[in-house]
Protein backbone atom coordinates (compact mmCIF):
# COMPACT_ATOMS: atom_id res chain seq x y z
CA MET A 1 92.90 125.67 153.86
CA ASN A 2 96.22 125.98 153.99
CA PHE A 3 97.03 127.72 150.70
CA ALA A 4 97.00 131.73 151.04
CA LEU A 5 97.81 134.53 148.26
CA ASP A 6 100.74 136.58 148.68
CA PRO A 7 99.21 139.93 150.72
CA ARG A 8 100.81 142.06 148.09
CA ILE A 9 98.52 140.77 145.75
CA THR A 10 95.10 140.94 147.51
CA LEU A 11 96.20 144.58 148.10
CA ALA A 12 96.91 145.45 144.76
CA THR A 13 93.46 143.69 143.29
CA GLY A 14 91.67 145.64 145.93
CA LEU A 15 93.05 149.08 145.02
CA ALA A 16 92.21 148.24 141.80
CA ALA A 17 88.73 147.39 142.20
CA GLN A 18 88.08 150.14 144.40
CA PRO A 19 90.18 153.13 143.92
CA GLY A 20 90.43 155.72 146.70
CA VAL A 21 88.56 153.41 149.08
CA TYR A 22 92.14 152.83 150.90
CA ALA A 23 94.24 155.34 152.77
CA LEU A 24 97.85 155.15 153.19
CA LEU A 25 99.48 155.41 156.92
CA LEU A 26 103.15 156.83 156.70
CA GLY A 27 105.79 156.51 159.57
CA SER A 28 109.37 157.79 159.54
CA GLY A 29 110.46 154.39 157.82
CA ALA A 30 108.76 155.89 154.61
CA SER A 31 111.06 158.80 154.53
CA THR A 32 114.82 157.11 155.55
CA GLY A 33 115.27 155.56 152.00
CA ALA A 34 115.66 159.64 151.36
CA GLY A 35 117.94 160.73 154.02
CA ILE A 36 115.36 161.68 156.47
CA PRO A 37 116.29 160.45 160.13
CA THR A 38 113.89 158.31 162.18
CA GLY A 39 113.17 159.42 165.70
CA TRP A 40 115.73 157.78 166.72
CA GLY A 41 118.50 158.98 164.22
CA VAL A 42 117.51 162.47 165.44
CA VAL A 43 118.34 161.29 168.78
CA GLU A 44 121.63 160.37 168.04
CA ASN A 45 122.31 163.27 166.27
CA LEU A 46 121.51 165.44 169.61
CA VAL A 47 123.29 163.52 171.80
CA ARG A 48 126.49 164.05 169.73
CA LYS A 49 125.68 167.55 169.71
CA VAL A 50 125.11 167.61 173.60
CA ALA A 51 128.71 165.67 173.91
CA ALA A 52 130.11 168.48 171.44
CA ALA A 53 128.52 171.49 173.44
CA ALA A 54 129.68 169.66 176.86
CA ASN A 55 133.41 169.67 175.50
CA GLU A 56 133.24 165.88 175.34
CA ASN A 57 135.00 164.34 172.40
CA LEU A 58 132.48 161.52 171.02
CA GLU A 59 134.28 159.70 168.26
CA PRO A 60 131.34 159.07 165.52
CA THR A 61 131.87 155.49 165.90
CA GLY A 62 131.45 155.57 169.83
CA ASP A 63 128.99 154.41 171.82
CA TRP A 64 126.59 157.64 172.30
CA GLU A 65 123.86 155.96 174.12
CA ALA A 66 126.63 154.60 176.64
CA TRP A 67 127.77 158.29 176.70
CA TRP A 68 124.73 159.78 177.28
CA HIS A 69 123.51 157.50 180.53
CA SER A 70 127.21 157.80 182.08
CA TYR A 71 126.88 162.32 181.33
CA SER A 72 123.27 162.31 182.66
CA LYS A 73 124.04 159.93 185.64
CA GLY A 74 121.49 157.37 184.46
CA GLU A 75 119.10 159.91 182.88
CA GLU A 76 116.48 157.72 180.57
CA LEU A 77 117.43 158.72 177.02
CA GLY A 78 114.24 159.20 174.63
CA TYR A 79 113.32 161.53 171.77
CA SER A 80 110.77 163.25 173.74
CA SER A 81 112.52 164.02 177.09
CA LEU A 82 115.80 164.97 174.93
CA LEU A 83 113.83 167.14 172.82
CA LYS A 84 112.10 168.82 175.63
CA GLN A 85 115.06 169.81 177.68
CA LEU A 86 116.85 171.03 174.31
CA ALA A 87 114.10 173.11 173.34
CA SER A 88 111.56 173.97 175.79
CA THR A 89 109.41 175.98 173.74
CA ALA A 90 107.72 175.22 169.83
CA PRO A 91 109.95 177.79 167.99
CA ALA A 92 113.04 176.59 169.93
CA ARG A 93 112.21 173.51 168.70
CA GLN A 94 111.12 174.31 165.15
CA ALA A 95 114.88 175.95 164.83
CA LEU A 96 116.42 172.55 165.93
CA LEU A 97 114.67 170.29 163.67
CA LYS A 98 114.62 172.66 160.32
CA GLY A 99 118.04 171.11 159.58
CA PHE A 100 117.10 167.21 159.86
CA PHE A 101 114.27 167.96 156.98
CA GLU A 102 115.54 170.91 154.54
CA PRO A 103 118.16 169.49 152.19
CA SER A 104 121.70 171.41 151.87
CA ALA A 105 123.22 171.95 148.19
CA ASP A 106 125.43 168.61 149.02
CA ASP A 107 121.91 166.67 149.63
CA ARG A 108 120.52 167.78 146.87
CA GLU A 109 123.37 166.94 144.77
CA ASP A 110 123.56 163.50 146.57
CA GLY A 111 119.61 162.99 146.16
CA LEU A 112 119.04 163.15 149.58
CA LYS A 113 116.32 164.91 151.77
CA VAL A 114 114.25 164.85 148.05
CA PRO A 115 111.38 162.76 147.05
CA GLY A 116 112.57 158.93 146.92
CA PRO A 117 111.06 156.00 144.94
CA ALA A 118 108.49 155.38 147.65
CA HIS A 119 106.85 159.14 147.58
CA ARG A 120 107.36 158.97 143.46
CA ALA A 121 105.44 155.72 143.40
CA ILE A 122 102.84 157.04 145.72
CA ALA A 123 102.61 160.45 143.84
CA GLU A 124 101.78 158.05 140.59
CA LEU A 125 98.85 156.01 142.86
CA VAL A 126 97.22 159.28 143.46
CA VAL A 127 97.77 160.58 139.90
CA ARG A 128 95.84 157.34 138.84
CA GLY A 129 93.39 157.97 141.28
CA THR A 130 94.22 155.04 143.51
CA ILE A 131 95.06 156.73 146.49
CA ARG A 132 93.32 159.83 147.73
CA VAL A 133 94.32 160.20 151.40
CA ILE A 134 97.67 160.00 153.17
CA ILE A 135 98.19 159.89 156.86
CA THR A 136 101.52 160.95 157.77
CA THR A 137 103.54 161.16 161.17
CA ASN A 138 106.07 162.81 159.60
CA PHE A 139 107.30 166.26 159.60
CA ASP A 140 109.14 166.41 156.04
CA ARG A 141 107.38 167.85 153.02
CA LEU A 142 108.63 164.86 150.88
CA ILE A 143 105.16 163.36 149.55
CA GLU A 144 103.92 167.03 148.95
CA GLN A 145 106.96 167.79 146.75
CA ALA A 146 106.51 164.57 145.00
CA LEU A 147 102.60 165.23 144.47
CA GLU A 148 103.53 168.75 142.90
CA ALA A 149 105.91 167.24 140.85
CA GLU A 150 103.12 165.30 139.24
CA GLY A 151 100.85 168.28 138.96
CA VAL A 152 98.82 167.39 141.80
CA MET A 153 98.29 170.35 144.53
CA PRO A 154 97.10 168.64 147.67
CA GLN A 155 95.23 169.43 150.33
CA VAL A 156 97.52 169.45 153.48
CA ILE A 157 96.00 169.42 157.01
CA SER A 158 98.94 170.23 159.41
CA THR A 159 96.97 171.68 162.18
CA ASP A 160 93.78 170.83 164.30
CA ALA A 161 92.12 174.50 163.23
CA ALA A 162 92.59 173.77 159.63
CA PHE A 163 90.06 170.66 159.75
CA ALA A 164 87.79 173.37 160.20
CA ASN A 165 87.80 174.50 156.84
CA MET A 166 88.72 171.34 154.83
CA GLU A 167 87.24 170.12 151.80
CA PRO A 168 85.54 166.89 152.08
CA LEU A 169 88.16 164.16 151.51
CA GLN A 170 86.10 162.66 148.62
CA HIS A 171 85.89 165.89 146.58
CA THR A 172 89.72 166.08 146.17
CA LYS A 173 92.39 164.39 144.32
CA ALA A 174 94.82 164.51 147.51
CA THR A 175 94.56 165.03 150.74
CA VAL A 176 97.69 164.60 153.03
CA ILE A 177 97.01 164.87 156.70
CA LYS A 178 99.84 165.58 158.98
CA LEU A 179 98.79 164.20 162.26
CA HIS A 180 102.15 165.70 164.22
CA GLY A 181 102.51 168.62 162.07
CA ASP A 182 105.15 170.37 159.66
CA TYR A 183 108.45 170.83 160.70
CA ALA A 184 108.30 174.41 159.28
CA ASN A 185 104.78 174.92 161.50
CA LEU A 186 105.12 175.83 165.16
CA GLU A 187 102.04 173.63 166.04
CA GLN A 188 104.50 170.62 166.36
CA ARG A 189 103.88 167.17 168.39
CA ASN A 190 106.74 165.87 169.39
CA THR A 191 106.53 165.05 173.21
CA VAL A 192 105.10 162.34 175.08
CA GLU A 193 102.45 164.60 176.50
CA GLU A 194 101.90 165.73 172.86
CA LEU A 195 101.44 162.51 171.30
CA SER A 196 99.57 161.22 174.02
CA LYS A 197 95.91 162.82 172.99
CA TYR A 198 94.93 164.43 170.10
CA PRO A 199 92.94 167.28 169.77
CA LYS A 200 89.11 167.15 169.10
CA ALA A 201 88.93 167.88 165.37
CA THR A 202 92.28 165.71 165.00
CA SER A 203 90.66 162.71 166.59
CA ALA A 204 87.05 163.31 164.94
CA GLN A 205 88.70 163.28 161.51
CA LEU A 206 91.17 160.44 162.05
CA GLY A 207 88.50 158.55 163.56
CA ARG A 208 86.11 159.00 160.38
CA VAL A 209 89.01 157.77 158.04
CA LEU A 210 89.78 154.80 160.25
CA ASP A 211 86.24 154.02 159.82
CA GLU A 212 85.53 154.69 156.12
CA TYR A 213 88.68 153.67 154.25
CA GLY A 214 90.79 150.28 153.82
CA LEU A 215 94.43 151.24 155.76
CA VAL A 216 97.97 150.43 154.24
CA VAL A 217 100.76 150.89 156.62
CA SER A 218 104.36 151.39 155.95
CA GLY A 219 107.28 152.76 157.86
CA TRP A 220 105.42 152.86 161.24
CA SER A 221 106.46 151.34 164.55
CA GLY A 222 103.36 152.84 166.75
CA GLU A 223 106.05 152.96 169.63
CA TRP A 224 105.64 156.63 170.33
CA ASP A 225 102.50 157.70 169.21
CA HIS A 226 99.91 156.70 171.78
CA ALA A 227 97.04 158.63 170.53
CA LEU A 228 97.36 157.36 167.10
CA VAL A 229 97.34 153.57 168.34
CA ALA A 230 94.58 154.35 170.63
CA ALA A 231 92.44 155.54 167.59
CA ILE A 232 93.74 152.51 165.56
CA GLU A 233 92.30 150.08 168.47
CA ALA A 234 89.20 151.90 169.01
CA SER A 235 88.48 151.46 165.26
CA SER A 236 87.41 147.74 165.99
CA ASN A 237 84.38 147.87 163.07
CA ARG A 238 86.77 148.32 159.76
CA ARG A 239 84.82 148.66 156.99
CA TYR A 240 87.94 147.45 154.44
CA PRO A 241 91.02 145.65 154.98
CA PHE A 242 94.34 146.73 156.83
CA TYR A 243 97.68 145.92 155.73
CA TRP A 244 101.22 146.40 157.50
CA THR A 245 104.01 146.67 155.53
CA ALA A 246 107.62 146.86 157.73
CA ARG A 247 111.20 146.55 156.83
CA SER A 248 112.06 144.37 159.88
CA GLU A 249 110.06 142.46 162.65
CA LEU A 250 107.31 143.92 164.27
CA GLY A 251 107.95 145.55 167.57
CA ALA A 252 105.52 144.96 170.29
CA VAL A 253 102.92 147.67 169.72
CA ALA A 254 102.64 146.53 165.89
CA LYS A 255 102.46 142.86 166.79
CA ARG A 256 99.60 143.98 169.41
CA LEU A 257 97.73 146.10 166.34
CA THR A 258 98.27 143.37 163.54
CA ALA A 259 97.02 140.37 166.15
CA ARG A 260 93.90 141.68 165.36
CA GLY A 261 91.65 139.90 163.06
CA GLY A 262 91.80 140.86 159.32
CA VAL A 263 95.34 142.25 159.38
CA GLN A 264 97.63 141.27 156.62
CA THR A 265 101.16 141.82 157.22
CA VAL A 266 104.08 142.09 154.29
CA SER A 267 107.63 141.95 155.95
CA SER A 268 111.05 142.37 154.90
CA VAL A 269 110.31 145.39 152.66
CA THR A 270 111.29 149.07 152.70
CA ALA A 271 108.61 152.00 151.83
CA ASP A 272 111.54 152.07 148.85
CA ASP A 273 110.79 148.31 147.68
CA CYS A 274 106.81 147.88 148.69
CA PHE A 275 105.28 151.26 146.55
CA PRO A 276 107.17 150.83 143.40
CA ASP A 277 106.01 147.09 143.56
CA LEU A 278 102.44 148.16 144.42
CA LEU A 279 102.37 150.44 141.69
CA ALA A 280 103.57 147.71 138.88
CA ARG A 281 100.78 145.21 140.19
CA VAL A 282 98.34 147.48 140.28
CA GLU A 283 99.11 148.94 136.91
CA ALA A 284 99.08 145.23 135.69
CA VAL A 285 95.60 144.16 137.20
CA GLU A 286 94.20 147.65 135.97
CA SER A 287 95.80 146.88 132.30
CA LEU A 288 93.55 144.03 131.98
CA THR A 289 90.38 145.88 132.63
CA GLU A 290 90.36 147.56 129.53
CA PRO A 291 86.33 147.55 128.79
CA PRO A 292 85.77 144.48 126.39
CA ALA A 293 84.05 146.90 124.17
CA SER A 294 86.55 149.05 123.83
CA LEU A 295 88.68 146.26 122.49
CA ASP A 296 85.76 145.03 120.37
CA LEU A 297 85.15 148.49 118.79
CA LYS A 298 88.65 148.38 117.41
CA LEU A 299 88.69 144.55 116.21
CA ALA A 300 85.06 145.59 114.44
CA ARG A 301 86.81 148.56 113.01
CA LEU A 302 89.49 146.48 111.88
CA LYS A 303 87.21 143.71 110.14
CA ARG A 304 85.45 146.49 108.42
CA GLU A 305 88.35 148.50 106.92
CA LEU A 306 90.82 146.19 106.07
CA PRO A 307 89.31 144.55 103.06
CA ASN A 308 88.77 148.10 101.78
CA PRO A 309 91.44 148.87 99.43
CA ILE A 310 90.67 152.93 100.22
CA ARG A 311 90.97 152.52 103.91
CA HIS A 312 94.81 151.51 104.26
CA LEU A 313 95.42 154.92 105.90
CA GLU A 314 92.47 154.63 108.65
CA VAL A 315 94.19 150.83 109.45
CA ARG A 316 97.41 152.27 109.61
CA ASP A 317 96.00 154.93 111.98
CA LEU A 318 94.21 152.27 114.01
CA PHE A 319 97.94 150.56 114.81
CA GLU A 320 100.05 154.06 115.28
CA ALA A 321 97.64 155.18 117.85
CA GLU A 322 98.03 151.64 119.91
CA MET A 323 101.60 151.75 119.20
CA LEU A 324 101.90 155.48 120.57
CA ALA A 325 100.00 154.40 123.89
CA LEU A 326 102.39 151.44 124.20
CA ARG A 327 105.36 154.19 123.58
CA THR A 328 103.92 156.16 126.08
CA TRP A 329 103.33 153.52 128.92
CA VAL A 330 106.40 152.31 128.45
CA THR A 331 108.42 155.54 128.77
CA GLU A 332 106.57 156.82 131.75
CA ARG A 333 106.01 153.90 133.91
CA PRO A 334 107.89 154.17 137.31
CA ARG A 335 111.20 151.90 137.54
CA SER A 336 109.84 148.76 139.45
CA PRO A 337 112.46 146.93 141.88
CA PHE A 338 113.79 144.24 140.06
CA ASP A 339 115.49 141.72 142.24
CA ASN A 340 116.88 139.18 139.59
CA THR A 341 114.58 136.67 140.64
CA ILE A 342 112.23 134.40 138.90
CA ALA A 343 109.41 135.94 140.51
CA GLY A 344 110.83 139.52 140.06
CA TYR A 345 111.52 138.74 136.08
CA ASP A 346 108.02 136.82 136.02
CA LEU A 347 106.25 139.71 137.45
CA GLU A 348 107.69 142.27 134.99
CA LEU A 349 106.87 139.85 131.68
CA ASP A 350 103.30 139.29 133.14
CA ALA A 351 102.91 143.27 133.09
CA ILE A 352 104.39 143.26 129.83
CA ALA A 353 102.37 140.94 128.37
CA VAL A 354 99.26 142.04 129.81
CA ARG A 355 99.59 145.97 128.50
CA PHE A 356 100.68 144.33 124.83
CA GLN A 357 97.66 142.27 124.52
CA SER A 358 95.54 144.73 122.50
CA LEU A 359 98.30 144.85 119.80
CA PHE A 360 98.68 141.18 119.95
CA LYS A 361 94.65 140.73 119.05
CA LEU A 362 94.62 143.56 116.69
CA PHE A 363 98.13 141.93 115.05
CA ALA A 364 96.76 138.48 114.88
CA THR A 365 93.51 139.54 113.27
CA GLY A 366 94.85 141.66 111.09
CA ILE A 367 97.17 139.10 109.42
CA LEU A 368 94.44 136.31 109.91
CA LEU A 369 92.14 138.27 107.21
CA ASP A 370 94.78 139.81 105.28
CA ARG A 371 94.43 136.78 102.69
CA ASP A 372 95.37 139.25 99.81
CA ARG A 373 98.63 140.38 101.86
CA GLN A 374 97.45 143.95 100.65
CA HIS A 375 98.87 145.04 103.97
CA SER A 376 102.42 143.25 104.57
CA ASP A 377 104.26 146.26 105.24
CA LEU A 378 102.11 147.26 107.60
CA TRP A 379 102.52 143.88 109.95
CA VAL A 380 106.51 144.23 109.22
CA TRP A 381 106.19 148.10 110.82
CA VAL A 382 104.55 146.65 113.63
CA VAL A 383 106.53 144.07 114.67
CA GLN A 384 109.55 146.66 113.72
CA GLN A 385 107.89 149.38 116.46
CA ALA A 386 106.93 146.74 118.87
CA LEU A 387 110.80 145.83 119.04
CA ASN A 388 111.81 149.48 119.07
CA VAL A 389 109.76 150.12 122.18
CA ARG A 390 112.13 148.17 124.44
CA ASN A 391 114.78 151.12 123.76
CA ASN A 392 112.32 153.48 125.58
CA ASP A 393 112.02 151.47 128.61
CA PRO A 394 113.68 153.01 131.82
CA SER A 395 113.38 149.76 133.77
CA GLY A 396 115.39 147.67 131.35
CA ALA A 397 113.21 144.99 131.41
CA PHE A 398 113.10 144.69 127.83
CA THR A 399 116.40 144.23 127.66
CA ARG A 400 117.43 141.82 130.20
CA GLU A 401 119.12 138.70 129.06
């Protein structure tokens, strides 16, 4: 068999078919689009601070890595080793890292260090009940902020002690497990030693998630997180599929983890591209699943009331309710990444056509049965309202040429 479906298709159908069964694993790449630096970006910034404190003039475009090797006489440069030297205690590390995660006034004005497209799409997936468990190695609070903006107050676990009093995962709307801690919490895991082994409660809960949930990885390389890599490798008997998305070529660790059977990869996609696209696909699949009985009841009601001359208002109410639902969907649906390709255009059209399917069937049935043309003004109104919907579409899909 040479043909294989795009993993994004199988993932979207899986999410729609089994809401709450998949967990997300988010690394630093999930937040870089929002202006949060990766671990290596933090290293670069810290090296420049070292140079400034050493009265060395390191140009913004200069080779900061070469400067470090020269200055340190060949000392190996890494996030763990550098942070350990600059801040030997947990409070010192907290103070040193705070500025990388909290937005300044200028940051907020520029839309940086605030929830981005990936965080907002994930929050919408949570609201829909598609996702309930989010594991992250990030210190930032962008996913929590995105959830709170949607009215979801997540259960946040950022310390080993917090696992003792947590609600069962299946009983919460959303649980965010911050494996390495929170930037504002003193119990952070930064150094190689801290990342080599998780405490007992953390290991137990992580093992349970990896065993009982499907997994979608985004923005995580695995290069530094030895304990997390070991936990994934130990979860050999996975109950549900494993997906790995990456913006560039996989590193050695990621290749090793994805080489195992059953892991599907999606390459050349950022988190800001991946999750809005995934949300649009899930939405398209779910819109097909309107219970047949529901549409059948609407059609039966239309057939019963249309011939009755005193039931005109009831017939109009039926179509007004349908148009209200469509306007709400168009207005509230997130912007999906539209790349001006035929495939992207077709994806938009499919989502729109599927969502309008119920209206189409009611409209066609009504015209067919309105043999005396008693409702001509209603059919004209429906067409006008459908055309007006495009003015409320935030994605612009209705107005693209």
